[in-house]
Amino acid sequence: MRVRKAVFVVAGFGTRFLPVTKTVPKEMLPIVDKPIIHYAIEEALDSGITDLIFVVSRNKKAIEDYLDVHPELEELLKKTGKESLLPLVSRFANSANIFFVRQPGPFGTGDAVLRAESIIGDEPFMVIYPDDVFLSEIPFTKQMMEIHDQTGSSVLGLEEVPQDKVSAYGVIRPGEKDNDKVEITEFVEKPKAEEAPSNLASVGRYLLTPNVFKYLKAVEPAPNGEYYITNGINELLKTEKVYGKVFKGRHFDTGNKIGYLKANLYEAYQDPSLRGEMMQFIGELSEDSQVKTKL
C-alpha cells in the first residue's frame, strides 16, 4: 500500500534552546530564512506524502500559523509587485491535508504516535522528527518508501556513526545487506561502545506498518513516565521483517546547538549572496586575537 501519511512529532519543549523556546517553538527556529520544520515538510511533500499530521503541545501555535494561509500578506505581495514570493508563503497550505493532534503532556514518542492512530487508520505511515534535517538529491523519506514498496515492511532511517558515539543512539543488529538496504534483526537502545551490535544508528525517520499500534499500546512507561516508540518497534521485529535504509547525504541534528549552527552555516554557504561575506567574517574571527572565548 502506498504511503500517504506522515506524523510529525513536535510536542517537545526544546529545553536545550531556552530561553528563546519559552515563546518560540524549537521547530520554528530559522535555518537562514526557513524554519527547521520547513525542511521536514518539504521532504515529505517531495516524497508524495499527502496527509501531514502534527502532534503538538499547547505552545505550538506558531507552527499552525506557519502552515495556514495568510491573505493579508499575500495581498501585500501582489500590490507591491512581489508575486514571486507567493509560493514561499502559500505552498504548504495548498499542497496537503493538514491535521493537528494535541499531546497533553511529555509522554514520549510512542504516545505521540498513538494519538494519531485514528487519522492514520490501517495504513503504513511515516514518523518524522523535524530536528533531523536530511539533505540529499532524492528525499530520504522517498528512499525509505522505495524499500517499503519492494517489501511491504517497516523501514527505519539509519546512519553510520563513529563507534565511540554509538552509546548516544539506538543501534541495530544487521542481517542481510543489499547496498544501503539492511535487514534489522534487533534494536538496541544506547549500548556501550564495546557491546554495540553495529555502528548503524536509527536517526529521526520511521516508516511503519499499522501493526505497530498494538505493540505501542502495550509498551510500559520508562521511569520518567515517557513511552518510547522504539519499544514498540522491538516488539514488531518479533512478528514481521523490518528493514533499514542507510542515509547518504548531509544530515544535521538541529536538536543540539552545534548541529543547528552547522545547518545554518551550510545553508548560508550554498547561497552565493551570503557565502563570500560569511567566509570573510569566519576568517576574521579565527584570526582576531581580540575575540575572547566565553567561559
Foldseek 3Di string as FASTA:
>chain_A
DAAAEEEEEQADQLVQDPPVSVQAGQQQDDLQNGGLLVLVLVLCVLLNHAEYEYAYEDRHVVVVVQQAADVVVCVVCVVVVNNVCVCVRHVNVPRHHYHYFYDHDQAEDLVSVLRCDVVCDQFKYKYFHSLKRFDDPRRPVNVQSVVCVVPVAKEFEKEADPLQPQLQFWAFQFDDDDPQKTWGQAIHHRDHSVPGNHRIGGDGMITHGSVLNVLSVVADGDPVNHRYSVSSVRVVSVPDIYMYGYDDGDIARNSHPVSSVVSSLVVLCVDPVRNPVVVVVVVCQVPDPPDDDDD
